[in-house]
Amino acid sequence: MIVCVCRRVSDRDIKRQAQAGCISFDDLQMETGVATCCGRCGDCARDVFAQAQAHGAVAMIHGHPAQGSASLALPA
């Protein structure tokens, strides 16, 4: 679904950014322009971003990187 009509940013775009390592909403705004025009999409965009981050974190806890994300190597 389209989250930001002004910048034509979809929920899939937001999820891709989160999976690619985008760690803050400010970074997401810089990369996509979401919620930088009229601002009406801000709450929805933040919710989608938070859900995408949570999904990635849960997948990493279970040992399976979220689809499209790189696995993190932790030093021994």
Foldseek 3Di string as FASTA:
>chain_A
DQLAPVQRARLVNLLLCVQAPDDDVVSVCVVRVPCVPPNPSVVVSVVSNVVSNVVQVVCVVVVHGDPNHDHDDDDD
